[in-house]
Structure formats: C-alpha cells, structure tokens
Amino acid sequence: MMRSKFAWLPLAAVALGCMVTGTAQAQDATSPPHYVYAGVDYAFLRSSLSKDSMKNALGGDQFDSDFYLLRVGTRLFKQISIEGRFGIKNESGNSTDKVETNQMYGIYIVPTGNLFHFLEVSAPIGYAHTKLENDNGSVKLNGMSFGLNFEVPIYVNAKSRIPDIRLSSGGTVYYAGRDSQTYGYQAGIRMDFKI
C-alpha cells in the first residue's frame, strides 16, 4: 500500500495541539485566552491568461491546478485576525490543461463575523504570490488577493483549553489583473488553540 507524502499532516496537527494545550494549562486559568489557529485545506485553482507572453510561457490560456493550503493565524482583535498562507503542490504540470502550483504564499488581514452564533464568516484581504509551472515554462503572479470563507464548528468549548475544531470552505481570488485571473476554492479543517 502506497503512503501519501502528506500522511504526517494530521499527526503534526495533533502534536502542535498537545504542545499548545500543555503551555496553556501552565498559565493562570482566570486569564482570558489568546487565540492562535492553524488550518489545512485542499485547494482547487483555475487560471485564465490573456497576456501573450504568459500564454506562450505555459502553452495555453486556461489551466487548472490543485494544492494543499496551510493557514496559520492569530487574533489581533476580537473580530480581526492576521493570517499567513502557504501552498504545497499536489500534482505535476505535465498535462495539456494542468499546471502545478509550484509556489503560493500570502499574508492576509481577516475580518470575521458570526451568523446566528454558529456560522463563522470571514473576508480575508491581502497580498499573494503564486508561481504556476508546467513542462513549457512558468508564470509568476503577485498582487492583491481577497476571498470569502465559511466555517462551521465541530467542537467549541470556551472554558476548555482543548483546541476548537471547525470545518472550513471558501473561495479566494489569488490574482485579478488585465493580464490574467487566478482564483480557487478550498475546503478543510481549522483548529483554534487557546494560549
């Protein structure tokens, strides 16, 4: 049986949770917790190129890709977080309509609100760098990025130091310019650690 090269991700998340929980328990139980979160998503990416040099570099004008998206963030205020995103490529760009997302990273400010004290809605806005690559060549895209995320709680207990767990999904525009548009959809899991 072939093991996935990312089989370590769930184990790493549990280990991080244990470390953060252990540190949190050592603090004064009456002090309000500070929230740090980490998430892992599977992301699907679609790119439409209109600039001739980009089309020539990749050998076409529309491509799909997918990658694993790691998100790490902390709350600056009750309803505003800062978040870093890092992509790990999943597939090679050796097909006529596929490219690999060889690089993806970004920094975002994330305003967040709650609907009916249940559904968490956030609108990240920031800067992203994306490098698309296939057998023909590569294209780098840098610029403003924005999106909309929805997160549903699976386990939340404000009085416990055990991490809160949420299922997440959403969409992100990684680059929108006259030369190209790159956007995607993602879904995964997020853990909120109280420290």
C-alpha atoms as a PDB file:
ATOM      1  CA  MET A   1       0.000   0.000   0.000  1.00  0.00           C
ATOM      2  CA  MET A   2       1.413   3.367  -1.024  1.00  0.00           C
ATOM      3  CA  ARG A   3       1.510   6.031   1.674  1.00  0.00           C
ATOM      4  CA  SER A   4       0.674   9.639   0.887  1.00  0.00           C
ATOM      5  CA  LYS A   5       3.567  12.057   1.146  1.00  0.00           C
ATOM      6  CA  PHE A   6       1.335  14.199   3.371  1.00  0.00           C
ATOM      7  CA  ALA A   7       0.329  11.456   5.816  1.00  0.00           C
ATOM      8  CA  TRP A   8       2.281  13.314   8.516  1.00  0.00           C
ATOM      9  CA  LEU A   9      -0.036  16.376   8.456  1.00  0.00           C
ATOM     10  CA  PRO A  10      -2.707  15.041  10.873  1.00  0.00           C
ATOM     11  CA  LEU A  11      -0.006  13.827  13.280  1.00  0.00           C
ATOM     12  CA  ALA A  12       1.719  17.219  13.159  1.00  0.00           C
ATOM     13  CA  ALA A  13      -1.586  18.994  13.916  1.00  0.00           C
ATOM     14  CA  VAL A  14      -2.212  16.749  16.947  1.00  0.00           C
ATOM     15  CA  ALA A  15       1.359  17.270  18.204  1.00  0.00           C
ATOM     16  CA  LEU A  16       1.014  21.040  17.839  1.00  0.00           C
ATOM     17  CA  GLY A  17      -2.294  20.899  19.682  1.00  0.00           C
ATOM     18  CA  CYS A  18      -0.755  18.956  22.577  1.00  0.00           C
ATOM     19  CA  MET A  19       2.160  21.397  22.859  1.00  0.00           C
ATOM     20  CA  VAL A  20      -0.061  24.473  22.807  1.00  0.00           C
ATOM     21  CA  THR A  21      -2.577  22.930  25.211  1.00  0.00           C
ATOM     22  CA  GLY A  22       0.195  21.975  27.626  1.00  0.00           C
ATOM     23  CA  THR A  23       1.581  25.521  27.561  1.00  0.00           C
ATOM     24  CA  ALA A  24      -1.869  26.986  28.044  1.00  0.00           C
ATOM     25  CA  GLN A  25      -2.589  24.826  31.101  1.00  0.00           C
ATOM     26  CA  ALA A  26       0.527  26.201  32.762  1.00  0.00           C
ATOM     27  CA  GLN A  27      -0.925  29.736  32.582  1.00  0.00           C
ATOM     28  CA  ASP A  28      -3.339  31.275  35.040  1.00  0.00           C
ATOM     29  CA  ALA A  29      -6.734  29.689  34.404  1.00  0.00           C
ATOM     30  CA  THR A  30      -8.520  33.010  35.065  1.00  0.00           C
ATOM     31  CA  SER A  31      -6.720  34.993  32.343  1.00  0.00           C
ATOM     32  CA  PRO A  32      -8.574  35.291  29.022  1.00  0.00           C
ATOM     33  CA  PRO A  33      -7.059  33.069  26.342  1.00  0.00           C
ATOM     34  CA  HIS A  34      -5.218  34.339  23.292  1.00  0.00           C
ATOM     35  CA  TYR A  35      -6.246  32.541  20.101  1.00  0.00           C
ATOM     36  CA  VAL A  36      -3.844  31.109  17.539  1.00  0.00           C
ATOM     37  CA  TYR A  37      -5.198  28.949  14.733  1.00  0.00           C
ATOM     38  CA  ALA A  38      -3.899  26.559  12.106  1.00  0.00           C
ATOM     39  CA  GLY A  39      -5.726  25.000   9.195  1.00  0.00           C
ATOM     40  CA  VAL A  40      -5.154  22.564   6.350  1.00  0.00           C
ATOM     41  CA  ASP A  41      -7.243  22.852   3.180  1.00  0.00           C
ATOM     42  CA  TYR A  42      -7.353  21.138  -0.182  1.00  0.00           C
ATOM     43  CA  ALA A  43      -7.436  23.916  -2.797  1.00  0.00           C
ATOM     44  CA  PHE A  44      -8.512  23.831  -6.445  1.00  0.00           C
ATOM     45  CA  LEU A  45      -7.117  26.608  -8.658  1.00  0.00           C
ATOM     46  CA  ARG A  46      -8.251  27.952 -12.054  1.00  0.00           C
ATOM     47  CA  SER A  47      -6.113  30.337 -14.125  1.00  0.00           C
ATOM     48  CA  SER A  48      -7.145  32.299 -17.220  1.00  0.00           C
ATOM     49  CA  LEU A  49      -4.315  34.042 -19.060  1.00  0.00           C
ATOM     50  CA  SER A  50      -4.831  36.896 -21.522  1.00  0.00           C
ATOM     51  CA  LYS A  51      -1.291  38.258 -21.947  1.00  0.00           C
ATOM     52  CA  ASP A  52       0.558  36.709 -24.909  1.00  0.00           C
ATOM     53  CA  SER A  53       3.861  36.257 -23.051  1.00  0.00           C
ATOM     54  CA  MET A  54       2.078  34.290 -20.298  1.00  0.00           C
ATOM     55  CA  LYS A  55       0.198  32.143 -22.818  1.00  0.00           C
ATOM     56  CA  ASN A  56       3.472  31.369 -24.598  1.00  0.00           C
ATOM     57  CA  ALA A  57       5.230  30.562 -21.316  1.00  0.00           C
ATOM     58  CA  LEU A  58       2.672  27.897 -20.362  1.00  0.00           C
ATOM     59  CA  GLY A  59       1.483  26.896 -23.835  1.00  0.00           C
ATOM     60  CA  GLY A  60      -2.175  27.836 -23.440  1.00  0.00           C
ATOM     61  CA  ASP A  61      -4.631  30.250 -21.897  1.00  0.00           C
ATOM     62  CA  GLN A  62      -6.643  28.248 -19.308  1.00  0.00           C
ATOM     63  CA  PHE A  63      -5.247  25.870 -16.716  1.00  0.00           C
ATOM     64  CA  ASP A  64      -6.341  24.026 -13.583  1.00  0.00           C
ATOM     65  CA  SER A  65      -4.241  23.088 -10.590  1.00  0.00           C
ATOM     66  CA  ASP A  66      -4.607  21.868  -7.032  1.00  0.00           C
ATOM     67  CA  PHE A  67      -2.523  22.133  -3.890  1.00  0.00           C
ATOM     68  CA  TYR A  68      -2.620  21.819  -0.115  1.00  0.00           C
ATOM     69  CA  LEU A  69      -3.121  25.142   1.645  1.00  0.00           C
ATOM     70  CA  LEU A  70      -1.682  25.640   5.129  1.00  0.00           C
ATOM     71  CA  ARG A  71      -3.100  28.562   7.118  1.00  0.00           C
ATOM     72  CA  VAL A  72      -1.652  29.947  10.347  1.00  0.00           C
ATOM     73  CA  GLY A  73      -3.029  32.997  12.098  1.00  0.00           C
ATOM     74  CA  THR A  74      -3.693  34.850  15.317  1.00  0.00           C
ATOM     75  CA  ARG A  75      -6.365  37.245  16.514  1.00  0.00           C
ATOM     76  CA  LEU A  76      -5.240  40.860  16.680  1.00  0.00           C
ATOM     77  CA  PHE A  77      -8.664  41.934  17.974  1.00  0.00           C
ATOM     78  CA  LYS A  78     -11.869  40.067  18.751  1.00  0.00           C
ATOM     79  CA  GLN A  79     -13.091  40.175  15.134  1.00  0.00           C
ATOM     80  CA  ILE A  80      -9.832  40.712  13.182  1.00  0.00           C
ATOM     81  CA  SER A  81      -7.004  38.242  12.581  1.00  0.00           C
ATOM     82  CA  ILE A  82      -3.750  38.237  10.680  1.00  0.00           C
ATOM     83  CA  GLU A  83      -3.108  35.095   8.645  1.00  0.00           C
ATOM     84  CA  GLY A  84      -0.221  33.596   6.693  1.00  0.00           C
ATOM     85  CA  ARG A  85      -0.902  31.106   3.888  1.00  0.00           C
ATOM     86  CA  PHE A  86       1.479  28.615   2.331  1.00  0.00           C
ATOM     87  CA  GLY A  87       0.793  26.241  -0.552  1.00  0.00           C
ATOM     88  CA  ILE A  88       2.261  22.764  -1.069  1.00  0.00           C
ATOM     89  CA  LYS A  89       1.964  21.466  -4.617  1.00  0.00           C
ATOM     90  CA  ASN A  90      -0.042  18.320  -5.176  1.00  0.00           C
ATOM     91  CA  GLU A  91       0.318  17.487  -8.863  1.00  0.00           C
ATOM     92  CA  SER A  92       2.828  17.992 -11.644  1.00  0.00           C
ATOM     93  CA  GLY A  93       2.000  20.180 -14.608  1.00  0.00           C
ATOM     94  CA  ASN A  94       2.623  17.642 -17.343  1.00  0.00           C
ATOM     95  CA  SER A  95      -0.900  17.601 -18.792  1.00  0.00           C
ATOM     96  CA  THR A  96      -2.150  19.924 -21.534  1.00  0.00           C
ATOM     97  CA  ASP A  97      -4.642  21.693 -19.252  1.00  0.00           C
ATOM     98  CA  LYS A  98      -2.882  21.301 -15.887  1.00  0.00           C
ATOM     99  CA  VAL A  99      -0.185  23.328 -14.188  1.00  0.00           C
ATOM    100  CA  GLU A 100       1.464  22.777 -10.840  1.00  0.00           C
ATOM    101  CA  THR A 101       1.173  25.475  -8.224  1.00  0.00           C
ATOM    102  CA  ASN A 102       4.886  25.440  -7.539  1.00  0.00           C
ATOM    103  CA  GLN A 103       4.799  28.361  -5.109  1.00  0.00           C
ATOM    104  CA  MET A 104       1.985  30.002  -3.193  1.00  0.00           C
ATOM    105  CA  TYR A 105       2.268  32.203  -0.153  1.00  0.00           C
ATOM    106  CA  GLY A 106       0.442  35.222   1.138  1.00  0.00           C
ATOM    107  CA  ILE A 107      -0.349  37.434   4.100  1.00  0.00           C
ATOM    108  CA  TYR A 108      -3.917  38.480   4.918  1.00  0.00           C
ATOM    109  CA  ILE A 109      -5.949  40.622   7.295  1.00  0.00           C
ATOM    110  CA  VAL A 110      -9.096  38.631   8.121  1.00  0.00           C
ATOM    111  CA  PRO A 111     -12.233  40.437   9.390  1.00  0.00           C
ATOM    112  CA  THR A 112     -14.617  37.872  10.876  1.00  0.00           C
ATOM    113  CA  GLY A 113     -18.248  37.766  11.952  1.00  0.00           C
ATOM    114  CA  ASN A 114     -20.739  35.175  13.196  1.00  0.00           C
ATOM    115  CA  LEU A 115     -24.185  34.381  11.860  1.00  0.00           C
ATOM    116  CA  PHE A 116     -26.641  33.090  14.483  1.00  0.00           C
ATOM    117  CA  HIS A 117     -23.700  32.295  16.810  1.00  0.00           C
ATOM    118  CA  PHE A 118     -22.991  29.289  14.613  1.00  0.00           C
ATOM    119  CA  LEU A 119     -21.588  30.010  11.158  1.00  0.00           C
ATOM    120  CA  GLU A 120     -18.323  31.956  11.096  1.00  0.00           C
ATOM    121  CA  VAL A 121     -17.913  34.159   8.012  1.00  0.00           C
ATOM    122  CA  SER A 122     -14.623  35.858   7.149  1.00  0.00           C
ATOM    123  CA  ALA A 123     -13.367  38.015   4.284  1.00  0.00           C
ATOM    124  CA  PRO A 124      -9.567  37.777   4.007  1.00  0.00           C
ATOM    125  CA  ILE A 125      -7.819  40.536   2.082  1.00  0.00           C
ATOM    126  CA  GLY A 126      -4.099  40.775   1.487  1.00  0.00           C
ATOM    127  CA  TYR A 127      -1.204  40.030  -0.834  1.00  0.00           C
ATOM    128  CA  ALA A 128      -0.395  36.729  -2.546  1.00  0.00           C
ATOM    129  CA  HIS A 129       2.441  35.324  -4.650  1.00  0.00           C
ATOM    130  CA  THR A 130       1.702  32.379  -6.938  1.00  0.00           C
ATOM    131  CA  LYS A 131       4.009  30.557  -9.356  1.00  0.00           C
ATOM    132  CA  LEU A 132       2.389  28.309 -11.962  1.00  0.00           C
ATOM    133  CA  GLU A 133       4.585  25.852 -13.829  1.00  0.00           C
ATOM    134  CA  ASN A 134       4.397  23.084 -16.425  1.00  0.00           C
ATOM    135  CA  ASP A 135       6.715  21.407 -18.929  1.00  0.00           C
ATOM    136  CA  ASN A 136       6.650  24.509 -21.163  1.00  0.00           C
ATOM    137  CA  GLY A 137       7.643  27.096 -18.573  1.00  0.00           C
ATOM    138  CA  SER A 138       6.397  29.124 -15.634  1.00  0.00           C
ATOM    139  CA  VAL A 139       4.462  32.279 -14.759  1.00  0.00           C
ATOM    140  CA  LYS A 140       4.662  34.314 -11.545  1.00  0.00           C
ATOM    141  CA  LEU A 141       1.668  36.290 -10.292  1.00  0.00           C
ATOM    142  CA  ASN A 142       1.941  38.836  -7.469  1.00  0.00           C
ATOM    143  CA  GLY A 143      -0.744  41.153  -6.231  1.00  0.00           C
ATOM    144  CA  MET A 144      -3.801  41.863  -4.139  1.00  0.00           C
ATOM    145  CA  SER A 145      -5.781  38.826  -3.059  1.00  0.00           C
ATOM    146  CA  PHE A 146      -9.181  38.527  -1.397  1.00  0.00           C
ATOM    147  CA  GLY A 147     -11.785  35.920  -0.594  1.00  0.00           C
ATOM    148  CA  LEU A 148     -14.737  34.708   1.437  1.00  0.00           C
ATOM    149  CA  ASN A 149     -14.644  31.811   3.914  1.00  0.00           C
ATOM    150  CA  PHE A 150     -17.308  29.908   5.857  1.00  0.00           C
ATOM    151  CA  GLU A 151     -16.502  27.823   8.923  1.00  0.00           C
ATOM    152  CA  VAL A 152     -18.806  25.515  10.860  1.00  0.00           C
ATOM    153  CA  PRO A 153     -17.919  24.464  14.429  1.00  0.00           C
ATOM    154  CA  ILE A 154     -17.472  20.779  15.169  1.00  0.00           C
ATOM    155  CA  TYR A 155     -16.172  21.221  18.721  1.00  0.00           C
ATOM    156  CA  VAL A 156     -16.146  24.552  20.591  1.00  0.00           C
ATOM    157  CA  ASN A 157     -15.805  24.982  24.350  1.00  0.00           C
ATOM    158  CA  ALA A 158     -14.769  28.432  25.572  1.00  0.00           C
ATOM    159  CA  LYS A 159     -13.967  27.101  29.063  1.00  0.00           C
ATOM    160  CA  SER A 160     -11.721  24.282  27.876  1.00  0.00           C
ATOM    161  CA  ARG A 161      -8.089  24.540  26.763  1.00  0.00           C
ATOM    162  CA  ILE A 162      -8.724  21.794  24.209  1.00  0.00           C
ATOM    163  CA  PRO A 163      -8.485  23.302  20.687  1.00  0.00           C
ATOM    164  CA  ASP A 164     -11.730  24.286  18.973  1.00  0.00           C
ATOM    165  CA  ILE A 165     -12.293  22.434  15.680  1.00  0.00           C
ATOM    166  CA  ARG A 166     -14.082  23.851  12.634  1.00  0.00           C
ATOM    167  CA  LEU A 167     -14.776  22.632   9.108  1.00  0.00           C
ATOM    168  CA  SER A 168     -13.904  25.326   6.588  1.00  0.00           C
ATOM    169  CA  SER A 169     -14.675  26.124   2.969  1.00  0.00           C
ATOM    170  CA  GLY A 170     -14.437  29.174   0.790  1.00  0.00           C
ATOM    171  CA  GLY A 171     -13.110  30.872  -2.285  1.00  0.00           C
ATOM    172  CA  THR A 172     -10.075  33.045  -2.952  1.00  0.00           C
ATOM    173  CA  VAL A 173      -9.046  35.341  -5.786  1.00  0.00           C
ATOM    174  CA  TYR A 174      -5.257  34.986  -5.827  1.00  0.00           C
ATOM    175  CA  TYR A 175      -4.682  37.446  -8.665  1.00  0.00           C
ATOM    176  CA  ALA A 176      -7.005  39.623 -10.762  1.00  0.00           C
ATOM    177  CA  GLY A 177      -5.422  41.781 -13.433  1.00  0.00           C
ATOM    178  CA  ARG A 178      -5.740  42.668 -17.090  1.00  0.00           C
ATOM    179  CA  ASP A 179      -3.118  40.041 -17.969  1.00  0.00           C
ATOM    180  CA  SER A 180      -4.636  37.125 -16.027  1.00  0.00           C
ATOM    181  CA  GLN A 181      -7.134  35.983 -13.415  1.00  0.00           C
ATOM    182  CA  THR A 182      -6.364  33.256 -10.907  1.00  0.00           C
ATOM    183  CA  TYR A 183      -8.948  32.100  -8.386  1.00  0.00           C
ATOM    184  CA  GLY A 184      -9.727  28.996  -6.404  1.00  0.00           C
ATOM    185  CA  TYR A 185     -11.904  27.127  -3.953  1.00  0.00           C
ATOM    186  CA  GLN A 186     -10.764  25.358  -0.819  1.00  0.00           C
ATOM    187  CA  ALA A 187     -12.144  23.118   1.920  1.00  0.00           C
ATOM    188  CA  GLY A 188     -10.566  21.627   5.004  1.00  0.00           C
ATOM    189  CA  ILE A 189     -10.265  21.852   8.775  1.00  0.00           C
ATOM    190  CA  ARG A 190      -9.161  24.541  11.234  1.00  0.00           C
ATOM    191  CA  MET A 191      -8.037  24.192  14.838  1.00  0.00           C
ATOM    192  CA  ASP A 192      -8.140  27.170  17.237  1.00  0.00           C
ATOM    193  CA  PHE A 193      -5.626  26.948  20.077  1.00  0.00           C
ATOM    194  CA  LYS A 194      -6.106  28.904  23.306  1.00  0.00           C
ATOM    195  CA  ILE A 195      -2.814  30.023  24.831  1.00  0.00           C
END
